[in-house]
N, C-alpha and C. Protein backbone atom coordinates (compact mmCIF):
# COMPACT_ATOMS: atom_id res chain seq x y z
N MET A 1 102.35 127.59 131.40
CA MET A 1 101.32 127.45 130.54
C MET A 1 100.76 126.15 130.55
N LYS A 2 99.49 125.94 130.58
CA LYS A 2 98.52 124.75 130.26
C LYS A 2 98.55 123.94 128.73
N GLN A 3 99.32 122.94 128.58
CA GLN A 3 99.20 122.43 127.52
C GLN A 3 98.11 121.09 127.31
N HIS A 4 97.62 121.08 126.13
CA HIS A 4 96.48 120.07 126.11
C HIS A 4 97.28 118.82 125.09
N ALA A 5 97.03 117.70 125.64
CA ALA A 5 97.56 116.59 124.79
C ALA A 5 96.71 116.56 123.64
N PHE A 6 97.51 116.28 122.39
CA PHE A 6 96.46 115.77 120.98
C PHE A 6 96.05 114.71 121.02
N VAL A 7 94.73 114.19 121.31
CA VAL A 7 94.36 112.68 121.08
C VAL A 7 94.31 112.28 119.44
N ARG A 8 95.16 111.49 119.30
CA ARG A 8 94.99 111.06 117.88
C ARG A 8 93.92 110.11 117.52
N GLN A 9 92.98 110.63 116.49
CA GLN A 9 91.94 109.97 116.25
C GLN A 9 92.33 108.70 115.59
N THR A 10 91.53 107.58 115.77
CA THR A 10 91.92 106.15 115.24
C THR A 10 90.98 105.51 114.51
N HIS A 11 89.75 106.04 114.46
CA HIS A 11 88.59 105.29 113.91
C HIS A 11 87.69 106.24 113.26
N PHE A 12 86.76 105.69 112.42
CA PHE A 12 85.58 106.47 112.14
C PHE A 12 84.63 105.37 111.52
N ILE A 13 83.31 105.78 111.22
CA ILE A 13 82.69 104.56 110.69
C ILE A 13 81.59 105.30 109.44
N GLY A 14 81.43 104.76 108.36
CA GLY A 14 80.79 105.37 107.36
C GLY A 14 80.17 104.22 106.33
N VAL A 15 79.41 104.77 105.27
CA VAL A 15 78.97 103.80 104.21
C VAL A 15 79.93 103.99 103.17
N LEU A 16 80.44 103.20 102.60
CA LEU A 16 81.29 103.16 101.20
C LEU A 16 80.31 103.26 100.05
N LEU A 17 80.58 104.02 99.15
CA LEU A 17 79.70 104.31 97.74
C LEU A 17 80.04 103.11 96.87
N PRO A 18 78.99 102.90 96.02
CA PRO A 18 79.39 102.01 94.97
C PRO A 18 80.41 102.40 94.03
N GLU A 19 81.05 101.58 93.37
CA GLU A 19 82.18 101.81 92.33
C GLU A 19 82.07 103.08 91.59
N ASP A 20 80.75 102.85 90.75
CA ASP A 20 80.63 104.03 89.65
C ASP A 20 80.65 105.30 90.09
N ILE A 21 79.82 105.48 91.37
CA ILE A 21 79.94 106.80 92.07
C ILE A 21 81.22 107.19 92.51
N THR A 22 81.97 106.12 93.12
CA THR A 22 83.32 106.46 93.60
C THR A 22 84.27 107.18 92.47
N LEU A 23 84.09 106.46 91.31
CA LEU A 23 85.20 107.07 90.26
C LEU A 23 84.77 108.49 90.05
N THR A 24 83.48 108.68 89.75
CA THR A 24 82.89 110.06 89.40
C THR A 24 83.44 110.89 90.37
N LEU A 25 83.32 110.67 91.74
CA LEU A 25 83.77 111.50 92.70
C LEU A 25 84.93 111.74 92.87
N GLU A 26 85.96 110.58 92.38
CA GLU A 26 87.24 110.61 92.61
C GLU A 26 87.91 111.47 91.35
N ASP A 27 87.08 111.68 89.90
CA ASP A 27 87.38 112.57 89.23
C ASP A 27 86.93 113.99 89.61
N CYS A 28 85.95 114.42 90.57
CA CYS A 28 85.90 115.57 91.07
C CYS A 28 86.81 115.87 91.86
N ARG A 29 87.50 115.06 92.64
CA ARG A 29 88.50 115.53 93.56
C ARG A 29 89.82 115.75 92.80
N ARG A 30 89.93 115.06 91.62
CA ARG A 30 91.02 115.36 90.78
C ARG A 30 90.91 116.90 90.35
N TYR A 31 89.74 117.31 90.12
CA TYR A 31 89.39 118.51 89.45
C TYR A 31 89.59 119.57 90.52
N MET A 32 89.40 119.31 91.70
CA MET A 32 89.71 120.19 92.90
C MET A 32 91.00 120.37 92.99
N GLN A 33 91.95 119.21 93.04
CA GLN A 33 93.41 119.34 93.21
C GLN A 33 94.04 119.94 92.06
N GLU A 34 93.68 119.80 90.79
CA GLU A 34 94.38 120.41 89.44
C GLU A 34 94.02 121.89 89.50
N SER A 35 92.69 122.08 89.82
CA SER A 35 92.32 123.53 89.69
C SER A 35 92.67 124.71 90.94
N TYR A 36 92.58 123.85 91.90
CA TYR A 36 92.78 124.74 93.19
C TYR A 36 93.72 124.27 94.17
N GLY A 37 94.62 123.30 93.84
CA GLY A 37 95.39 122.59 94.74
C GLY A 37 94.81 121.77 95.88
N CYS A 38 93.56 121.61 95.86
CA CYS A 38 93.10 120.78 97.04
C CYS A 38 93.72 119.54 97.11
N LYS A 39 94.23 119.02 98.34
CA LYS A 39 94.69 117.55 98.53
C LYS A 39 93.98 116.86 99.57
N SER A 40 93.42 117.47 100.50
CA SER A 40 92.88 117.02 101.58
C SER A 40 91.88 115.65 101.47
N GLY A 41 90.96 116.00 100.21
CA GLY A 41 90.04 114.97 99.95
C GLY A 41 90.55 113.47 99.96
N TYR A 42 91.79 113.45 99.45
CA TYR A 42 92.53 112.12 99.11
C TYR A 42 92.95 111.35 100.28
N GLY A 43 92.55 111.83 101.66
CA GLY A 43 93.07 111.00 102.86
C GLY A 43 91.88 109.94 103.11
N THR A 44 90.77 109.92 102.37
CA THR A 44 90.01 108.94 102.70
C THR A 44 89.07 108.19 101.38
N PRO A 45 88.87 107.10 101.46
CA PRO A 45 87.99 106.56 100.36
C PRO A 45 86.93 107.40 100.38
N ILE A 46 85.99 107.36 99.36
CA ILE A 46 84.56 108.09 98.87
C ILE A 46 83.63 107.13 100.04
N HIS A 47 83.07 107.97 100.97
CA HIS A 47 82.05 107.56 101.73
C HIS A 47 80.99 108.64 102.40
N VAL A 48 80.24 108.18 103.00
CA VAL A 48 79.37 109.19 103.83
C VAL A 48 79.67 108.55 105.33
N THR A 49 79.90 109.53 106.08
CA THR A 49 80.05 109.54 107.51
C THR A 49 78.98 109.32 108.26
N LEU A 50 79.06 108.22 109.11
CA LEU A 50 77.97 108.02 110.06
C LEU A 50 78.45 108.51 111.80
N VAL A 51 79.73 108.20 111.92
CA VAL A 51 80.25 108.43 113.21
C VAL A 51 81.55 109.09 112.80
N PRO A 52 81.85 110.51 113.05
CA PRO A 52 83.25 111.06 112.63
C PRO A 52 84.25 110.49 113.68
N PRO A 53 85.44 110.83 113.19
CA PRO A 53 86.76 110.48 113.80
C PRO A 53 86.53 110.48 115.14
N PHE A 54 86.97 109.45 115.88
CA PHE A 54 87.13 109.42 117.41
C PHE A 54 88.47 108.53 117.59
N CYS A 55 88.83 108.79 118.95
CA CYS A 55 90.13 107.73 119.30
C CYS A 55 89.35 106.56 120.07
N LEU A 56 89.71 105.53 119.63
CA LEU A 56 89.32 104.24 120.37
C LEU A 56 90.54 104.05 121.34
N PRO A 57 90.05 104.04 122.58
CA PRO A 57 91.15 103.63 123.67
C PRO A 57 91.59 102.39 123.64
N GLN A 58 92.79 102.25 124.11
CA GLN A 58 93.74 101.22 123.87
C GLN A 58 93.06 99.83 124.54
N GLU A 59 92.16 99.86 125.47
CA GLU A 59 91.63 98.88 126.05
C GLU A 59 90.47 98.10 125.12
N TYR A 60 90.07 98.75 124.00
CA TYR A 60 89.28 98.36 123.13
C TYR A 60 90.14 97.92 121.77
N ALA A 61 89.14 97.04 120.76
CA ALA A 61 89.86 96.88 119.62
C ALA A 61 88.87 97.13 118.54
N THR A 62 89.26 97.16 117.39
CA THR A 62 88.13 97.25 116.28
C THR A 62 87.09 96.44 116.44
N ARG A 63 87.61 94.79 116.77
CA ARG A 63 86.42 93.69 116.74
C ARG A 63 85.59 94.06 117.76
N ASP A 64 85.61 94.83 119.06
CA ASP A 64 84.61 95.20 119.80
C ASP A 64 83.59 95.94 119.18
N ILE A 65 83.87 96.88 118.10
CA ILE A 65 82.93 97.59 117.55
C ILE A 65 82.23 96.83 116.51
N VAL A 66 83.04 95.85 115.85
CA VAL A 66 82.46 94.90 115.00
C VAL A 66 81.35 94.34 115.71
N HIS A 67 81.56 93.66 116.71
CA HIS A 67 80.69 92.74 117.53
C HIS A 67 79.22 93.72 117.86
N ALA A 68 79.40 94.90 118.22
CA ALA A 68 78.39 95.81 118.69
C ALA A 68 77.61 96.15 117.68
N LEU A 69 78.22 96.28 116.55
CA LEU A 69 77.46 96.45 115.21
C LEU A 69 76.72 95.28 114.77
N GLU A 70 77.22 94.03 114.81
CA GLU A 70 76.41 92.87 114.43
C GLU A 70 75.28 92.57 115.28
N SER A 71 75.56 92.87 116.71
CA SER A 71 74.48 92.34 117.57
C SER A 71 73.59 93.55 117.65
N SER A 72 73.80 94.64 117.18
CA SER A 72 72.61 95.47 117.15
C SER A 72 72.18 96.13 115.78
N VAL A 73 73.08 96.93 115.05
CA VAL A 73 72.64 97.66 113.78
C VAL A 73 72.22 96.61 112.69
N LEU A 74 73.02 95.82 112.37
CA LEU A 74 73.06 94.85 111.40
C LEU A 74 71.79 93.75 111.54
N SER A 75 71.33 93.68 112.80
CA SER A 75 70.00 92.73 112.76
C SER A 75 68.91 93.65 112.74
N GLU A 76 68.80 94.95 112.40
CA GLU A 76 67.67 95.84 112.51
C GLU A 76 67.25 96.02 110.96
N GLY A 77 68.20 95.65 110.03
CA GLY A 77 67.61 95.63 108.47
C GLY A 77 67.32 97.24 108.25
N LEU A 78 68.59 97.98 108.56
CA LEU A 78 68.66 99.39 108.02
C LEU A 78 68.99 99.56 106.80
N GLY A 79 69.30 98.75 105.87
CA GLY A 79 69.37 99.06 104.42
C GLY A 79 68.41 99.83 103.87
N PHE A 80 68.85 100.73 102.81
CA PHE A 80 67.62 101.21 102.12
C PHE A 80 68.27 101.94 100.77
N THR A 81 67.64 102.76 100.00
CA THR A 81 68.27 103.27 98.80
C THR A 81 68.42 104.74 99.03
N ALA A 82 69.55 105.09 98.91
CA ALA A 82 69.61 106.76 98.79
C ALA A 82 69.77 107.39 97.64
N ARG A 83 70.02 108.57 97.54
CA ARG A 83 70.32 109.49 96.29
C ARG A 83 71.23 110.56 96.52
N ILE A 84 72.11 110.59 95.65
CA ILE A 84 72.86 111.81 95.60
C ILE A 84 72.38 112.87 94.42
N ASP A 85 72.41 114.17 94.67
CA ASP A 85 71.57 115.26 93.85
C ASP A 85 72.66 116.33 93.96
N ASN A 86 73.52 116.16 92.98
CA ASN A 86 74.65 117.26 92.76
C ASN A 86 75.62 117.55 94.09
N PHE A 87 76.04 118.76 93.94
CA PHE A 87 76.96 119.18 94.99
C PHE A 87 76.55 120.19 95.61
N SER A 88 77.14 120.85 96.86
CA SER A 88 76.76 121.62 97.85
C SER A 88 78.07 121.89 98.86
N ALA A 89 77.92 122.75 99.75
CA ALA A 89 79.24 122.88 100.41
C ALA A 89 78.95 123.31 101.99
N PHE A 90 79.71 123.17 102.72
CA PHE A 90 79.50 123.72 104.14
C PHE A 90 80.72 124.95 104.01
N GLY A 91 79.91 126.30 103.73
CA GLY A 91 80.48 127.30 103.71
C GLY A 91 81.74 127.36 102.74
N ASP A 92 82.81 127.76 103.17
CA ASP A 92 84.36 127.79 102.26
C ASP A 92 84.89 126.46 102.75
N ARG A 93 84.54 125.73 103.83
CA ARG A 93 85.58 124.83 104.24
C ARG A 93 85.24 123.23 103.60
N THR A 94 84.25 122.92 103.01
CA THR A 94 83.72 121.55 102.59
C THR A 94 83.13 121.59 101.34
N VAL A 95 83.67 120.92 100.15
CA VAL A 95 82.77 120.86 98.88
C VAL A 95 82.44 119.21 98.86
N PHE A 96 81.09 118.98 98.53
CA PHE A 96 80.62 117.49 98.64
C PHE A 96 79.48 117.35 97.65
N ALA A 97 79.53 116.12 97.77
CA ALA A 97 78.24 115.62 96.78
C ALA A 97 77.07 115.37 97.80
N LYS A 98 76.06 116.11 97.43
CA LYS A 98 74.88 116.11 98.58
C LYS A 98 74.14 114.95 98.40
N VAL A 99 73.96 114.16 99.26
CA VAL A 99 73.16 113.23 99.67
C VAL A 99 71.90 113.47 100.38
N LEU A 100 70.62 113.09 99.75
CA LEU A 100 69.48 113.69 100.24
C LEU A 100 69.46 112.99 101.52
N ALA A 101 69.18 114.00 102.52
CA ALA A 101 68.59 113.62 103.95
C ALA A 101 67.56 112.88 104.10
N GLY A 102 67.40 112.20 105.13
CA GLY A 102 66.11 111.62 105.46
C GLY A 102 66.01 110.81 106.87
N SER A 103 64.81 110.15 107.25
CA SER A 103 64.69 109.66 108.27
C SER A 103 65.66 108.47 108.47
N GLN A 104 65.79 107.66 107.28
CA GLN A 104 66.71 106.39 107.27
C GLN A 104 68.08 106.78 107.50
N TRP A 105 68.60 107.77 107.18
CA TRP A 105 69.94 108.13 107.32
C TRP A 105 70.22 108.47 108.69
N THR A 106 69.12 109.10 109.58
CA THR A 106 69.02 109.62 110.88
C THR A 106 69.24 108.19 111.78
N ALA A 107 68.26 107.39 111.29
CA ALA A 107 68.24 106.15 111.97
C ALA A 107 69.32 105.08 112.18
N LEU A 108 70.08 105.15 110.71
CA LEU A 108 71.29 104.47 110.62
C LEU A 108 72.35 105.03 111.37
N ARG A 109 72.43 106.46 111.25
CA ARG A 109 73.41 106.97 112.10
C ARG A 109 73.21 106.85 113.60
N ASP A 110 72.03 107.09 114.07
CA ASP A 110 71.81 107.07 115.61
C ASP A 110 72.14 105.43 116.09
N ALA A 111 71.88 104.49 115.33
CA ALA A 111 71.87 103.17 115.59
C ALA A 111 73.35 102.85 115.65
N THR A 112 74.00 103.24 114.56
CA THR A 112 75.43 103.01 114.59
C THR A 112 76.33 103.75 115.70
N LEU A 113 75.98 105.06 116.17
CA LEU A 113 76.65 105.93 117.17
C LEU A 113 76.24 105.20 118.38
N ASN A 114 75.02 104.81 118.61
CA ASN A 114 74.73 104.16 119.87
C ASN A 114 75.49 102.62 120.03
N ALA A 115 75.66 102.03 119.00
CA ALA A 115 76.44 100.99 119.21
C ALA A 115 77.77 100.92 119.64
N VAL A 116 78.37 102.04 118.72
CA VAL A 116 79.85 102.58 119.31
C VAL A 116 79.98 102.95 120.93
N LEU A 117 78.94 103.74 121.29
CA LEU A 117 78.94 104.14 122.71
C LEU A 117 78.67 103.07 123.67
N ALA A 118 77.87 101.95 123.28
CA ALA A 118 77.74 101.01 124.04
C ALA A 118 78.84 100.29 124.40
N VAL A 119 79.70 100.16 123.45
CA VAL A 119 81.00 99.10 123.57
C VAL A 119 82.18 100.31 124.12
N CYS A 120 82.29 101.31 123.82
CA CYS A 120 83.15 102.24 124.48
C CYS A 120 82.50 103.70 124.82
N PRO A 121 82.04 103.55 125.69
CA PRO A 121 81.44 104.94 126.44
C PRO A 121 82.42 106.06 126.47
N GLY A 122 81.84 107.17 125.89
CA GLY A 122 82.49 108.39 126.07
C GLY A 122 83.74 108.66 124.86
N CYS A 123 83.71 107.77 124.03
CA CYS A 123 84.82 107.81 122.73
C CYS A 123 84.31 108.84 122.01
N THR A 124 83.11 109.08 121.82
CA THR A 124 82.56 110.19 121.08
C THR A 124 81.39 110.57 121.42
N LYS A 125 80.86 111.69 120.97
CA LYS A 125 79.25 112.09 121.21
C LYS A 125 78.61 112.36 120.06
N LYS A 126 77.20 112.52 120.17
CA LYS A 126 76.39 113.11 119.13
C LYS A 126 76.45 114.38 118.74
N ASP A 127 76.35 114.71 117.52
CA ASP A 127 76.36 116.23 117.00
C ASP A 127 75.24 116.41 117.24
N LYS A 128 74.85 117.68 117.67
CA LYS A 128 73.71 118.35 117.79
C LYS A 128 72.95 118.93 116.64
N ARG A 129 73.89 118.95 115.54
CA ARG A 129 73.28 119.85 114.41
C ARG A 129 72.41 118.27 113.74
N PRO A 130 71.34 118.84 112.96
CA PRO A 130 70.93 117.85 112.06
C PRO A 130 71.70 117.22 111.19
N PHE A 131 71.40 115.75 110.98
CA PHE A 131 72.34 114.94 110.31
C PHE A 131 72.49 115.57 108.70
N GLN A 132 73.56 115.72 108.00
CA GLN A 132 73.45 116.02 106.71
C GLN A 132 74.46 114.89 106.00
N PRO A 133 73.92 113.96 105.51
CA PRO A 133 74.69 113.00 105.00
C PRO A 133 75.32 113.49 103.54
N HIS A 134 76.64 113.25 103.53
CA HIS A 134 77.33 113.73 102.30
C HIS A 134 78.69 112.91 102.00
N ALA A 135 79.23 113.08 100.82
CA ALA A 135 80.68 112.48 100.40
C ALA A 135 81.34 113.61 99.91
N THR A 136 82.37 113.72 100.70
CA THR A 136 83.55 114.82 100.51
C THR A 136 84.10 114.76 99.37
N VAL A 137 84.42 115.86 98.73
CA VAL A 137 85.32 116.01 97.44
C VAL A 137 86.37 116.85 97.83
N ALA A 138 86.25 117.84 98.69
CA ALA A 138 87.41 118.49 99.12
C ALA A 138 87.20 119.19 100.27
N ASN A 139 88.10 119.45 101.23
CA ASN A 139 87.84 119.96 102.41
C ASN A 139 89.24 120.59 103.04
N ARG A 140 89.10 121.45 104.06
CA ARG A 140 90.32 122.05 105.02
C ARG A 140 91.41 122.79 103.87
N ASP A 141 91.51 122.47 102.76
CA ASP A 141 92.41 122.96 102.32
C ASP A 141 91.94 124.09 100.84
N ILE A 142 90.75 124.32 101.05
CA ILE A 142 90.09 124.82 99.94
C ILE A 142 90.44 126.54 99.70
N PRO A 143 90.80 126.74 98.93
CA PRO A 143 91.56 128.43 98.80
C PRO A 143 90.12 129.49 99.08
N PRO A 144 90.40 130.31 99.64
CA PRO A 144 89.29 131.29 100.29
C PRO A 144 88.52 131.68 98.95
N GLY A 145 87.46 131.93 98.70
CA GLY A 145 86.73 132.43 97.80
C GLY A 145 86.56 131.56 96.43
N VAL A 146 86.94 130.53 96.42
CA VAL A 146 86.64 129.52 95.16
C VAL A 146 85.60 128.63 95.20
N THR A 147 84.77 128.64 96.36
CA THR A 147 83.91 127.46 96.50
C THR A 147 82.78 127.68 95.59
N SER A 148 82.18 129.05 95.41
CA SER A 148 81.05 129.14 94.32
C SER A 148 81.58 128.76 93.12
N ASP A 149 82.54 129.21 92.66
CA ASP A 149 83.08 128.73 91.25
C ASP A 149 83.39 127.32 91.14
N ALA A 150 83.84 126.72 92.12
CA ALA A 150 84.02 125.23 91.82
C ALA A 150 82.58 124.32 91.92
N LEU A 151 81.51 125.00 92.71
CA LEU A 151 80.25 124.27 92.75
C LEU A 151 79.48 124.51 91.28
N VAL A 152 79.59 125.64 90.62
CA VAL A 152 79.07 126.03 89.31
C VAL A 152 79.54 124.88 88.24
N VAL A 153 80.96 124.63 88.41
CA VAL A 153 81.43 123.60 87.41
C VAL A 153 80.92 122.03 88.02
N LEU A 154 81.14 121.94 89.26
CA LEU A 154 80.56 120.52 89.68
C LEU A 154 79.03 120.42 89.33
N ASN A 155 78.36 121.10 89.63
CA ASN A 155 76.93 121.11 89.39
C ASN A 155 76.63 120.92 87.98
N GLU A 156 77.55 121.31 86.99
CA GLU A 156 77.25 121.12 85.57
C GLU A 156 77.27 119.74 85.20
N LEU A 157 77.92 118.78 86.15
CA LEU A 157 77.77 117.60 85.88
C LEU A 157 76.50 116.94 85.93
N ASN A 158 75.51 117.70 86.73
CA ASN A 158 74.30 117.07 86.93
C ASN A 158 74.21 115.51 87.68
N ILE A 159 75.00 115.31 88.49
CA ILE A 159 74.75 114.13 89.13
C ILE A 159 73.71 114.08 89.72
N ALA A 160 72.73 113.06 89.70
CA ALA A 160 71.53 112.44 90.24
C ALA A 160 71.67 111.04 90.17
N GLU A 161 71.89 110.32 91.26
CA GLU A 161 72.11 109.01 91.24
C GLU A 161 71.59 108.33 92.62
N ASP A 162 70.62 107.23 92.21
CA ASP A 162 70.39 106.27 93.55
C ASP A 162 71.40 105.39 93.67
N PHE A 163 71.78 105.08 95.18
CA PHE A 163 72.69 104.07 95.38
C PHE A 163 72.19 103.20 96.83
N PRO A 164 72.61 101.93 96.76
CA PRO A 164 72.17 101.16 97.96
C PRO A 164 72.86 101.50 98.98
N VAL A 165 72.32 101.90 100.01
CA VAL A 165 73.21 101.81 101.61
C VAL A 165 73.11 100.42 102.08
N ASP A 166 74.01 99.79 101.90
CA ASP A 166 74.29 98.21 101.95
C ASP A 166 75.35 97.88 102.93
N ASN A 167 75.90 99.05 103.40
CA ASN A 167 77.14 98.59 104.25
C ASN A 167 77.31 99.49 105.24
N ILE A 168 78.15 99.00 106.48
CA ILE A 168 78.72 99.95 107.38
C ILE A 168 80.20 99.47 107.34
N THR A 169 80.85 100.59 107.34
CA THR A 169 82.24 100.18 107.09
C THR A 169 83.26 101.07 108.18
N ILE A 170 83.96 100.45 109.03
CA ILE A 170 84.91 100.86 109.96
C ILE A 170 86.27 101.34 109.36
N PHE A 171 86.54 102.63 109.51
CA PHE A 171 87.78 102.86 108.87
C PHE A 171 88.74 103.43 110.04
N GLU A 172 90.21 102.83 109.77
CA GLU A 172 91.13 102.92 110.49
C GLU A 172 92.12 103.70 110.33
N ARG A 173 92.78 104.37 111.11
CA ARG A 173 94.05 105.45 110.60
C ARG A 173 95.16 104.55 110.53
N ASN A 174 95.95 104.73 109.37
CA ASN A 174 97.27 104.01 109.10
C ASN A 174 98.10 105.23 108.94
N GLY A 175 98.87 105.82 109.98
CA GLY A 175 99.73 107.02 109.65
C GLY A 175 98.92 108.18 109.30
N SER A 176 98.85 108.76 107.99
CA SER A 176 98.28 109.88 108.02
C SER A 176 96.86 109.69 107.00
N VAL A 177 96.74 108.26 106.60
CA VAL A 177 95.64 107.80 105.88
C VAL A 177 94.66 106.96 106.39
N TRP A 178 93.44 107.27 106.11
CA TRP A 178 92.49 106.44 106.67
C TRP A 178 91.93 105.15 105.51
N GLN A 179 92.10 104.04 106.26
CA GLN A 179 91.94 102.87 105.60
C GLN A 179 90.78 101.87 105.86
N VAL A 180 90.18 101.30 104.92
CA VAL A 180 88.94 100.44 105.31
C VAL A 180 89.58 99.36 106.30
N GLY A 181 88.98 99.23 107.41
CA GLY A 181 89.25 98.17 108.47
C GLY A 181 88.70 96.99 108.21
N MET A 182 87.32 97.22 108.19
CA MET A 182 86.24 96.18 108.02
C MET A 182 84.97 96.70 107.72
N THR A 183 84.42 95.91 106.48
CA THR A 183 82.93 96.29 105.77
C THR A 183 82.19 95.42 106.37
N LEU A 184 80.83 95.76 106.67
CA LEU A 184 80.05 94.99 107.26
C LEU A 184 78.68 95.09 106.13
N SER A 185 77.82 93.96 105.90
CA SER A 185 76.84 94.24 105.00
C SER A 185 75.56 94.36 105.86
N LEU A 186 74.77 95.35 105.42
CA LEU A 186 73.60 95.65 106.08
C LEU A 186 72.44 94.68 105.60
């Protein structure tokens, strides 16, 4: 029987949200945990993912990604103002704060992904689906059939907030937890 070796994901890249929005969304994570037993959202700081988790081969280091981002993405002036407009879900698998999509998000995601692939070819690939920026509240361990009820409660908060997209953050896995490795200002 052929076995596939599991490649442990070591890094991902995203945008950290401001503290006021982070505190609100952490309250939403607590609601999901207390009401439905969801614990998976606690594995990462509140963020919008640009490049999903990937394995950085041993011959590369986080500083290689930093240099690639500094020499390409950071010099392009891709910062902008984004907006969260309440909550939504990807089926029953992920509940999230809905960040309005747009060409600026796509440009930032593409530039960031291209920088990673330039320094570490083949470590990840571009998702073929349209980019939907979002800030995850709960995922993976949402009980079947509760997403609709959870969204009713969360959407009663009427969260509609603008926030600056002013950073690119490299997250690194430390055991089973994702931690901020390096934050770069846009």
